[in-house]
Protein backbone atom coordinates (compact mmCIF):
# COMPACT_ATOMS: atom_id res chain seq x y z
CA MET A 1 27.80 -221.39 28.13
CA LEU A 2 31.74 -223.48 27.60
CA LYS A 3 31.71 -226.06 30.44
CA ASN A 4 34.84 -226.38 32.68
CA LYS A 5 35.58 -230.11 33.44
CA VAL A 6 38.31 -231.06 36.67
CA LEU A 7 39.79 -234.53 37.08
CA SER A 8 41.97 -235.84 39.31
CA GLN A 9 45.33 -236.18 37.84
CA ASP A 10 48.04 -238.91 37.09
CA SER A 11 51.28 -238.45 39.01
CA SER A 12 53.37 -240.17 37.26
CA ARG A 13 52.67 -238.84 34.08
CA ASN A 14 54.98 -236.09 33.28
CA ILE A 15 52.61 -233.94 31.36
CA PRO A 16 49.07 -233.19 32.96
CA ARG A 17 46.01 -234.31 31.48
CA ILE A 18 44.42 -230.75 31.30
CA ILE A 19 43.71 -228.59 28.26
CA HIS A 20 44.10 -224.95 28.82
CA PHE A 21 41.94 -222.45 26.57
CA VAL A 22 42.18 -218.47 27.05
CA VAL A 23 38.37 -216.59 25.57
CA ARG A 24 37.27 -213.46 26.70
CA SER A 25 34.10 -215.09 27.99
CA ARG A 26 32.83 -218.56 29.10
CA CYS A 27 29.42 -217.19 27.34
CA VAL A 28 29.41 -217.85 24.24
CA PRO A 29 26.37 -218.13 21.44
CA GLU A 30 24.96 -221.54 21.68
CA GLY A 31 26.16 -222.86 18.67
CA VAL A 32 29.84 -221.99 19.84
CA ALA A 33 29.15 -223.61 22.89
CA LYS A 34 27.67 -226.77 21.52
CA ALA A 35 30.64 -227.53 18.72
CA HIS A 36 32.90 -226.66 21.24
CA ASN A 37 31.42 -229.07 23.93
CA ALA A 38 31.02 -231.84 21.58
CA GLY A 39 34.01 -231.61 19.70
CA TRP A 40 35.98 -232.22 23.02
CA GLU A 41 33.72 -234.14 24.74
CA SER A 42 35.40 -237.73 24.26
CA VAL A 43 39.06 -236.02 24.97
CA SER A 44 37.48 -234.89 28.39
CA LYS A 45 36.36 -238.12 29.43
CA ASP A 46 40.23 -238.29 31.22
CA HIS A 47 41.35 -234.62 30.72
CA SER A 48 40.48 -231.79 32.40
CA ILE A 49 39.12 -229.03 30.33
CA LEU A 50 39.84 -225.25 31.68
CA TYR A 51 38.45 -222.30 30.26
CA HIS A 52 40.18 -219.05 31.21
CA ASP A 53 37.88 -216.16 31.19
CA GLN A 54 39.01 -212.57 30.78
CA GLN A 55 38.76 -212.05 34.18
CA SER A 56 40.45 -214.93 35.19
CA ILE A 57 42.91 -214.49 33.14
CA ASP A 58 43.83 -210.84 33.91
CA GLU A 59 44.26 -211.47 37.36
CA TYR A 60 45.85 -214.44 37.06
CA MET A 61 48.95 -212.59 35.00
CA ALA A 62 48.50 -209.07 37.29
CA ARG A 63 50.46 -210.63 39.86
CA ASP A 64 53.64 -209.94 40.68
CA ARG A 65 56.49 -212.35 39.46
CA ARG A 66 60.18 -212.75 40.79
CA ASP A 67 60.71 -215.10 37.72
CA TRP A 68 59.42 -213.32 35.30
CA PRO A 69 58.78 -209.53 36.36
CA ALA A 70 58.16 -208.35 33.10
CA VAL A 71 55.20 -210.31 32.32
CA ALA A 72 52.43 -208.39 33.94
CA SER A 73 53.20 -205.06 31.96
CA VAL A 74 53.78 -206.61 28.51
CA TYR A 75 50.71 -208.59 28.75
CA LYS A 76 48.53 -205.90 30.04
CA CYS A 77 49.93 -203.31 27.52
CA ALA A 78 50.05 -205.50 24.68
CA PHE A 79 48.39 -204.08 21.22
CA ASP A 80 47.55 -207.62 19.92
CA SER A 81 44.78 -210.19 21.13
CA MET A 82 46.76 -212.88 19.87
CA ALA A 83 49.87 -211.86 21.71
CA LYS A 84 48.06 -211.41 25.40
CA SER A 85 46.84 -215.06 24.60
CA ASP A 86 49.81 -216.87 23.52
CA LEU A 87 51.61 -215.11 26.75
CA ALA A 88 48.98 -215.99 28.94
CA LYS A 89 49.01 -219.83 27.45
CA LEU A 90 52.77 -220.33 28.22
CA MET A 91 52.47 -218.81 31.58
CA LEU A 92 50.13 -221.66 32.35
CA LEU A 93 52.35 -223.99 30.90
CA TRP A 94 55.26 -222.74 32.81
CA ASP A 95 53.20 -222.48 35.63
CA HIS A 96 51.32 -225.88 35.78
CA GLY A 97 51.68 -227.63 32.47
CA GLY A 98 49.07 -229.22 30.30
CA ILE A 99 48.43 -228.65 27.04
CA VAL A 100 47.32 -225.38 25.10
CA VAL A 101 44.87 -225.14 22.02
CA ASP A 102 43.57 -222.31 20.21
CA MET A 103 40.29 -221.90 20.58
CA GLY A 104 38.54 -222.46 16.93
CA HIS A 105 40.26 -226.21 16.80
CA VAL A 106 38.87 -229.36 18.18
CA PRO A 107 40.52 -233.05 18.22
CA ARG A 108 40.72 -235.12 15.25
CA PRO A 109 40.35 -239.36 15.95
CA GLU A 110 43.53 -239.45 16.71
CA PHE A 111 44.05 -237.18 19.53
CA GLU A 112 41.15 -238.20 21.00
CA GLU A 113 42.18 -242.06 21.05
CA GLY A 114 45.26 -240.57 23.26
CA ASN A 115 48.11 -241.47 21.52
CA ILE A 116 48.93 -238.32 20.69
CA ILE A 117 51.17 -237.43 24.05
CA SER A 118 52.61 -240.50 26.05
CA ASP A 119 53.10 -240.66 29.68
CA THR A 120 56.74 -240.07 29.17
CA ASP A 121 56.94 -236.81 26.93
CA GLN A 122 57.95 -234.00 28.96
CA CYS A 123 57.12 -231.36 25.81
CA VAL A 124 55.13 -231.83 22.69
CA PHE A 125 54.61 -229.64 19.44
CA GLU A 126 53.07 -229.90 16.02
CA MET A 127 54.67 -229.62 12.88
CA THR A 128 53.63 -228.48 9.68
CA ARG A 129 54.30 -230.88 6.32
CA GLU A 130 56.72 -227.61 5.74
CA GLY A 131 58.76 -228.75 9.05
CA ARG A 132 57.56 -225.60 10.92
CA THR A 133 55.89 -225.23 14.31
CA ASN A 134 52.24 -224.99 14.53
CA PRO A 135 51.78 -222.18 17.24
CA ARG A 136 47.88 -223.70 17.60
CA PHE A 137 48.99 -226.35 20.19
CA ALA A 138 51.76 -226.87 22.48
CA ALA A 139 51.84 -229.45 25.52
CA CYS A 140 54.33 -229.27 28.36
CA GLN A 141 55.02 -230.51 31.76
CA ALA A 142 55.39 -227.52 34.37
CA GLY A 143 58.68 -225.46 34.50
CA HIS A 144 60.07 -227.03 31.21
CA SER A 145 63.01 -225.59 29.27
CA ALA A 146 61.38 -225.16 25.88
CA VAL A 147 58.54 -223.37 27.90
CA TYR A 148 61.20 -220.69 29.23
CA ALA A 149 62.79 -220.37 25.64
CA ALA A 150 59.45 -219.33 24.47
CA ILE A 151 58.66 -217.24 26.60
CA MET A 152 62.49 -215.45 26.78
CA ARG A 153 61.57 -215.06 23.46
CA PHE A 154 58.39 -213.52 23.48
CA LEU A 155 60.05 -211.03 26.23
CA THR A 156 63.56 -210.13 24.92
CA VAL A 157 61.75 -208.60 21.42
CA PRO A 158 61.61 -205.05 22.42
CA PHE A 159 58.67 -204.31 24.23
CA VAL A 160 57.27 -201.68 21.68
CA ASP A 161 56.81 -204.73 19.65
CA TYR A 162 53.84 -205.77 21.18
CA THR A 163 52.62 -202.34 21.86
CA HIS A 164 52.85 -199.82 19.33
CA LYS A 165 55.33 -200.50 16.38
CA PHE A 166 54.38 -203.84 15.02
CA PRO A 167 51.52 -206.37 14.36
CA TYR A 168 52.09 -209.72 16.06
CA ASN A 169 51.25 -211.82 12.90
CA CYS A 170 51.51 -215.81 12.48
CA ALA A 171 55.21 -215.04 11.37
CA LYS A 172 56.16 -214.16 14.92
CA ARG A 173 53.74 -216.85 16.79
CA ILE A 174 55.69 -219.27 14.82
CA ASP A 175 59.03 -217.77 15.54
CA ILE A 176 58.21 -217.91 19.58
CA PHE A 177 56.67 -221.26 19.10
CA GLY A 178 59.64 -222.73 16.84
CA PHE A 179 62.06 -221.47 18.92
CA ALA A 180 60.61 -223.67 21.65
CA ALA A 181 60.64 -226.63 19.42
CA GLY A 182 64.02 -227.09 18.81
CA PHE A 183 65.13 -225.10 21.94
CA MET A 184 69.45 -226.65 22.00
CA ALA A 185 68.10 -230.29 21.13
CA GLU A 186 69.28 -232.76 18.50
CA ASN A 187 67.08 -235.03 16.76
CA GLN A 188 66.37 -238.58 16.98
CA GLU A 189 63.80 -240.23 14.42
CA ILE A 190 61.16 -242.46 16.12
CA ASP A 191 59.29 -243.08 13.58
CA GLY A 192 57.36 -241.47 10.61
CA LYS A 193 55.00 -239.50 13.09
CA LYS A 194 56.79 -238.25 16.17
CA SER A 195 60.30 -237.13 16.46
CA VAL A 196 61.83 -236.98 19.78
CA LEU A 197 64.75 -234.42 20.22
CA LYS A 198 67.24 -234.80 22.91
CA TYR A 199 69.12 -232.14 24.99
CA LYS A 200 73.18 -232.19 24.56
CA THR A 201 75.28 -233.98 26.72
CA GLY A 202 76.35 -231.83 29.68
CA GLN A 203 73.64 -229.07 29.23
CA LEU A 204 70.03 -229.98 30.42
CA ASN A 205 68.04 -233.41 30.86
CA GLY A 206 64.93 -234.13 29.30
CA THR A 207 63.04 -234.29 25.77
CA ILE A 208 61.22 -232.43 23.25
CA THR A 209 58.71 -234.58 21.24
CA GLN A 210 57.71 -233.19 17.42
CA ILE A 211 54.38 -234.48 16.05
CA HIS A 212 54.75 -234.54 12.27
CA THR A 213 51.89 -234.23 10.04
CA ASN A 214 52.77 -235.99 7.04
CA GLY A 215 51.20 -232.83 4.78
CA THR A 216 47.49 -232.58 6.44
CA PHE A 217 47.17 -229.67 9.12
CA GLY A 218 43.75 -231.35 10.25
CA GLU A 219 45.40 -234.73 11.73
CA LEU A 220 46.01 -233.35 15.16
CA LEU A 221 43.26 -230.96 14.78
CA GLU A 222 40.17 -229.58 12.85
CA THR A 223 39.05 -226.13 12.17
CA ILE A 224 35.80 -225.41 13.73
CA ASN A 225 34.21 -223.13 11.06
CA PHE A 226 33.11 -220.32 12.78
CA GLN A 227 32.44 -216.60 11.35
CA ASN A 228 35.23 -214.65 11.83
CA ASP A 229 32.67 -212.26 13.74
CA THR A 230 32.49 -215.12 16.13
CA LEU A 231 36.16 -215.75 16.57
CA ARG A 232 37.07 -212.38 17.26
CA ASP A 233 34.48 -212.15 19.98
CA MET A 234 36.10 -214.79 21.48
CA GLU A 235 39.50 -212.92 21.25
CA LEU A 236 40.92 -210.98 24.82
CA GLU A 237 39.60 -207.57 24.87
CA LEU A 238 42.55 -204.64 24.84
CA ILE A 239 43.08 -201.87 27.03
CA GLY A 240 41.64 -198.21 25.70
CA ALA A 241 43.97 -196.14 23.48
CA SER A 242 44.73 -193.57 26.43
CA GLU A 243 45.43 -196.22 28.68
CA GLN A 244 48.20 -197.85 25.93
CA GLU A 245 49.79 -194.77 26.41
CA HIS A 246 50.13 -194.77 30.36
CA CYS A 247 50.99 -198.61 29.76
CA MET A 248 54.39 -197.03 28.25
CA ASN A 249 55.42 -195.08 31.09
CA ARG A 250 54.64 -197.86 33.60
CA ALA A 251 57.98 -200.02 34.76
CA ALA A 252 57.68 -203.39 32.58
CA LEU A 253 60.52 -204.27 35.00
CA LYS A 254 58.43 -204.19 38.59
CA ASN A 255 61.47 -203.31 40.32
CA ASP A 256 63.56 -200.24 39.40
CA SER A 257 64.60 -199.43 42.95
CA TYR A 258 67.72 -197.22 42.73
CA GLU A 259 68.39 -198.39 46.35
CA VAL A 260 71.36 -200.98 47.18
CA ASP A 261 71.95 -204.33 49.22
CA ILE A 262 75.36 -203.31 50.43
CA ALA A 263 74.83 -205.97 53.25
CA SER A 264 74.62 -208.60 50.52
CA LEU A 265 76.93 -207.28 48.05
CA LEU A 266 80.08 -206.92 51.23
CA ASP A 267 78.50 -211.02 52.02
CA VAL A 268 79.83 -211.54 47.96
CA VAL A 269 82.54 -210.07 47.94
CA GLY A 270 83.90 -211.35 51.48
CA TYR A 271 84.37 -208.48 52.58
CA LYS A 272 85.17 -209.37 56.04
CA THR A 273 87.45 -212.45 55.44
CA GLN A 274 89.32 -210.69 53.04
CA ASN A 275 93.50 -212.33 53.09
CA SER A 276 95.79 -209.77 52.04
CA THR A 277 98.77 -212.78 52.04
CA CYS A 278 100.37 -212.24 48.76
CA THR A 279 103.50 -213.90 47.09
CA SER A 280 106.33 -211.10 46.33
CA PRO A 281 106.29 -209.34 44.19
CA GLN A 282 102.96 -209.55 43.81
CA ASN A 283 100.95 -206.52 45.59
CA PHE A 284 97.34 -207.41 47.71
CA ILE A 285 94.46 -205.11 46.34
CA GLY A 286 91.36 -206.10 48.11
CA SER A 287 87.54 -204.29 48.34
CA ASN A 288 87.52 -201.15 49.91
CA TYR A 289 83.80 -199.92 51.17
CA ASN A 290 83.21 -195.98 51.29
CA GLU A 291 80.08 -195.39 53.12
CA GLY A 292 79.42 -192.29 50.95
CA SER A 293 79.48 -194.34 48.21
CA ILE A 294 76.02 -194.50 48.21
CA ILE A 295 73.95 -191.35 47.57
CA LYS A 296 69.91 -190.80 48.28
CA GLY A 297 68.88 -189.67 44.87
CA ARG A 298 71.68 -190.94 42.46
CA LYS A 299 70.84 -193.73 40.14
CA ILE A 300 74.26 -195.44 39.62
CA PRO A 301 75.98 -196.23 43.06
CA LYS A 302 79.52 -195.03 43.37
CA PHE A 303 80.51 -198.40 42.97
CA VAL A 304 83.63 -200.12 40.44
CA HIS A 305 83.51 -203.45 40.24
CA MET A 306 86.15 -206.05 38.80
CA THR A 307 87.08 -209.60 38.98
CA SER A 308 90.09 -211.51 38.89
CA LYS A 309 90.98 -214.83 39.45
CA SER A 310 92.91 -213.80 42.77
CA GLN A 311 93.39 -210.57 44.86
CA CYS A 312 97.15 -210.43 43.97
CA PHE A 313 98.52 -208.57 41.56
CA THR A 314 102.01 -207.85 39.21
CA ASP A 315 103.09 -204.04 39.66
CA PHE A 316 101.65 -203.45 36.26
CA TYR A 317 98.03 -204.32 37.18
CA THR A 318 98.31 -202.82 40.45
CA TRP A 319 99.33 -199.30 38.97
CA SER A 320 96.34 -199.71 36.31
CA ILE A 321 93.43 -200.81 39.03
CA ASN A 322 94.86 -197.91 41.29
CA LYS A 323 93.51 -195.50 38.51
CA TRP A 324 90.12 -196.49 39.75
CA LYS A 325 89.82 -195.82 43.02
CA PHE A 326 87.80 -192.35 42.90
CA ASP A 327 87.36 -190.22 45.74
CA GLY A 328 84.40 -191.03 47.15
CA TYR A 329 83.95 -194.48 45.12
CA SER A 330 83.95 -197.95 46.68
CA LEU A 331 86.16 -200.45 44.67
CA PHE A 332 85.03 -204.17 44.74
CA MET A 333 87.12 -206.89 43.68
CA HIS A 334 85.62 -209.72 43.42
CA ASP A 335 88.06 -212.78 43.02
CA ASP A 336 87.09 -216.82 41.81
CA ILE A 337 85.09 -217.53 45.15
CA ALA A 338 83.51 -214.33 45.55
CA VAL A 339 82.18 -214.84 41.67
CA ASP A 340 80.95 -218.58 42.56
CA ARG A 341 79.30 -216.92 45.14
CA LEU A 342 76.88 -214.58 43.43
CA LEU A 343 76.33 -217.31 40.41
CA SER A 344 75.36 -219.92 43.21
CA ARG A 345 72.76 -217.53 44.79
CA GLU A 346 68.94 -218.19 44.01
CA TRP A 347 67.83 -216.17 41.18
CA PRO A 348 64.26 -216.18 40.67
CA GLU A 349 64.05 -214.04 38.11
CA PHE A 350 66.56 -216.28 35.77
CA PRO A 351 65.08 -219.12 35.80
CA LEU A 352 67.58 -222.02 34.63
CA LEU A 353 70.49 -219.41 35.17
CA LYS A 354 72.64 -222.32 37.33
CA GLU A 355 71.78 -224.93 34.26
CA ALA A 356 73.33 -222.31 31.95
CA THR A 357 76.32 -222.00 33.93
CA SER A 358 76.98 -225.59 33.88
CA CYS A 359 77.81 -224.88 29.78
CA ILE A 360 80.19 -222.07 30.30
CA ALA A 361 83.32 -223.92 29.10
CA THR A 362 85.90 -220.70 30.07
CA GLY A 363 86.82 -218.79 32.80
CA ALA A 364 86.29 -215.28 30.62
CA GLY A 365 82.88 -216.76 29.92
CA LEU A 366 81.79 -217.20 33.03
CA ALA A 367 83.27 -213.28 34.00
CA ASP A 368 80.99 -212.42 30.91
CA LEU A 369 77.78 -213.71 32.75
CA TRP A 370 79.07 -212.60 36.24
CA ARG A 371 79.61 -208.96 35.15
CA TYR A 372 75.77 -208.70 33.79
CA LEU A 373 74.17 -210.02 37.20
CA VAL A 374 76.37 -208.13 39.63
CA ILE A 375 75.56 -204.43 37.65
CA TRP A 376 71.75 -206.35 37.48
CA GLU A 377 71.47 -206.73 41.48
CA TYR A 378 74.12 -203.91 42.79
CA GLY A 379 74.94 -201.32 40.09
CA GLY A 380 77.90 -199.41 39.49
CA ILE A 381 80.90 -199.61 37.09
CA TYR A 382 82.36 -202.24 36.02
CA THR A 383 85.74 -202.59 34.12
CA ASP A 384 88.34 -204.84 33.03
CA ILE A 385 91.46 -204.91 34.89
CA ASP A 386 93.15 -204.39 32.07
CA ASN A 387 91.56 -200.86 31.52
CA GLU A 388 92.49 -197.26 32.57
CA PRO A 389 89.82 -194.12 33.27
CA GLY A 390 90.02 -192.01 29.83
CA PRO A 391 90.68 -188.42 29.58
CA LYS A 392 86.95 -187.41 30.09
CA PHE A 393 86.64 -189.82 32.89
CA LEU A 394 88.88 -188.69 35.64
CA ASN A 395 87.20 -189.35 39.00
CA ALA A 396 84.14 -190.46 37.00
CA SER A 397 82.64 -186.93 36.56
CA LEU A 398 81.25 -187.78 33.43
CA ILE A 399 78.84 -190.09 35.28
CA THR A 400 75.99 -187.36 37.07
CA ASP A 401 73.43 -188.10 39.58
CA ASP A 402 70.61 -188.90 37.54
CA MET A 403 72.37 -190.71 34.73
CA ASP A 404 70.81 -194.24 34.64
CA SER A 405 73.47 -196.14 32.60
CA LEU A 406 76.41 -195.26 30.36
CA PHE A 407 77.98 -197.25 27.75
CA GLU A 408 80.80 -196.43 25.40
CA GLN A 409 80.74 -197.11 21.45
CA GLU A 410 82.87 -199.67 20.43
CA GLY A 411 85.05 -199.65 16.61
CA GLY A 412 82.28 -201.97 15.45
CA GLY A 413 79.24 -199.21 16.43
CA PHE A 414 77.90 -201.84 19.35
CA PRO A 415 78.11 -201.18 22.86
CA SER A 416 81.19 -201.70 24.81
CA GLN A 417 81.51 -204.86 27.09
CA TYR A 418 84.54 -204.00 28.70
CA PHE A 419 83.32 -201.04 30.61
CA PHE A 420 79.94 -199.98 31.53
CA ALA A 421 77.89 -198.77 33.77
CA ALA A 422 74.29 -198.67 35.02
CA SER A 423 72.01 -198.44 38.10
CA PRO A 424 70.24 -201.69 40.19
CA HIS A 425 68.02 -203.43 38.09
CA HIS A 426 68.71 -201.72 34.88
CA PRO A 427 66.65 -203.75 31.69
CA VAL A 428 69.91 -203.87 29.68
CA MET A 429 71.14 -206.34 32.19
CA TYR A 430 68.17 -208.11 32.57
CA HIS A 431 67.96 -208.84 29.01
CA ALA A 432 71.82 -209.34 28.85
CA VAL A 433 70.99 -212.50 31.17
CA HIS A 434 68.28 -213.88 29.73
CA HIS A 435 70.47 -213.20 26.13
CA THR A 436 72.95 -215.08 27.89
CA ILE A 437 71.13 -218.13 29.30
CA SER A 438 69.35 -218.78 26.11
CA ARG A 439 72.68 -218.33 24.01
CA LEU A 440 74.38 -221.14 26.25
CA MET A 441 71.68 -223.31 25.79
CA GLU A 442 71.72 -223.32 21.78
CA VAL A 443 75.17 -224.03 21.18
CA GLN A 444 76.63 -227.31 19.00
CA SER A 445 79.27 -227.81 21.13
CA ILE A 446 80.76 -226.68 24.42
CA SER A 447 83.90 -227.43 24.23
CA GLU A 448 83.57 -224.87 20.83
CA GLN A 449 81.50 -222.29 21.32
CA MET A 450 82.38 -218.28 20.12
CA VAL A 451 82.65 -217.04 23.38
CA PRO A 452 82.22 -213.39 22.35
CA PHE A 453 78.91 -214.18 20.31
CA VAL A 454 77.33 -216.32 23.16
CA THR A 455 78.33 -214.83 26.57
CA GLY A 456 80.35 -211.46 25.50
CA PRO A 457 79.41 -208.25 23.67
CA GLY A 458 77.05 -210.57 21.30
CA ALA A 459 75.30 -211.42 24.36
CA LEU A 460 75.07 -207.27 25.69
CA LYS A 461 74.55 -205.99 22.25
CA CYS A 462 71.38 -207.65 21.97
CA GLY A 463 70.43 -206.70 25.43
CA VAL A 464 71.14 -203.16 24.67
CA GLU A 465 68.75 -204.04 21.41
CA SER A 466 66.12 -205.14 23.50
CA THR A 467 65.51 -202.82 25.85
CA ILE A 468 65.57 -199.58 22.62
CA ASP A 469 65.30 -201.36 19.68
CA ASN A 470 68.58 -200.70 18.75
CA GLY A 471 71.85 -202.68 18.96
CA TYR A 472 74.26 -200.02 17.33
CA PRO A 473 73.63 -196.89 19.56
CA SER A 474 75.58 -193.85 18.36
CA LYS A 475 76.15 -190.90 20.70
CA GLY A 476 73.02 -190.19 22.91
CA ILE A 477 70.78 -190.62 25.02
CA TYR A 478 68.05 -193.52 24.65
CA LYS A 479 65.04 -193.95 26.48
CA ASP A 480 63.51 -197.75 27.04
CA PRO A 481 59.40 -197.02 26.41
CA SER A 482 58.52 -199.38 28.86
CA THR A 483 59.95 -198.45 31.78
CA ASN A 484 61.34 -194.94 31.19
CA ARG A 485 65.12 -196.12 31.94
CA THR A 486 67.87 -194.80 29.87
CA ILE A 487 70.87 -195.48 27.96
CA THR A 488 73.51 -192.77 27.72
CA VAL A 489 76.08 -193.39 25.00
CA VAL A 490 79.31 -191.56 24.36
CA GLY A 491 80.86 -191.95 20.86
CA SER A 492 84.71 -192.95 21.44
CA ARG A 493 86.25 -195.82 22.88
CA ARG A 494 88.82 -193.73 24.90
CA GLU A 495 85.95 -191.24 26.28
CA ALA A 496 85.25 -193.25 29.57
CA GLY A 497 87.62 -196.63 29.68
CA ALA A 498 90.63 -197.55 27.33
């Protein structure tokens, strides 16, 4: 049997001395247990060794989480054992920190001597001689942004990639762990063995350490010469084919409720404290809540959301905005104070949102992130204030009660970002927020970031692509196989908002 060993931890150390393994069962052939226990014996003198078996890791991964609501379904429905194992190991690092290692490896002498991970290291990855990240090993403190990057990379790949369509192969593992190992950081050489990557000024504090193997793969870890059948027997079991099909009908994003917390929304827009004072010749346009705009059984609430620096407008904008005051609809005008109020809330489902917001250099970028959040949380229509309803959108009759989201097709073939509509907690908005956070963290210069790519239409396009595996959908209705939520695309820029 593979033996767990639990030691007390030094709280002054960033990365806990805990080594996590994920395995189908702790009951393995005697030769396997002997080789593994003996291999890690010297390290276990000052490290806890934890073998997470199938039952315990399945229960751990099945928990409802507000910070990562898609994790449970992606883990359960994964088509590949290694995908399940990698996601489980990343979640262990995110929650608890420590070291994760593939089962088929034992430490080499340098690892045993304790020189690999220092007390001040925050996140450590192993690099191959080709300069790529070796996914067999990672060590991080709990909640490190590099682990966030890896989980985000894992979850924003279209869900079907981990179920029916594509295998989870070595290239995908390297992509996920490699994305984390160089996440929005710049290199500072220490010596021939280690490089410390520091986060760029103005973004995040912290470091990533890369260990270079100098042309050998066995310097940090040594591969145990197990038979292939033995290794397969230690892999996590997958659910059956019939349950796989059932999986595709489950909601990867747990909260797919179409209900709206209207009290929260009214508080966000400052509905009770609106100040109608404007300097002539400007006109005041505030928020107007219609109790009939929330209809039981309707997916997209009858809300129109706009944002502007203030609620005072010239005659031209007043004329344009008034055209969006549809019968039975509420109009919510979010000024800068309201935008800040929404962004400053706690968002457990979007870790690092506040840190990412500090990377936004323009009001346009802030408005981009805000529009995804406000539609994610409350649903409705978003439109720029200089848009007018198109000829097929008079009184918003194009949006039916059973419609889940609506986008126009831009001239470049990607979904519209200046106008769209969606139900609360729609997966496109969820993925768009995560893509925006990731792109903000990756920019080389805050002052020179390309807003359309980082926060604008580029981020929304990737949100759509992560949902339906297509970033350039033409006119039609598309279904997210993991949640059964839908995307409706109309084929012309002037069909809805113009």
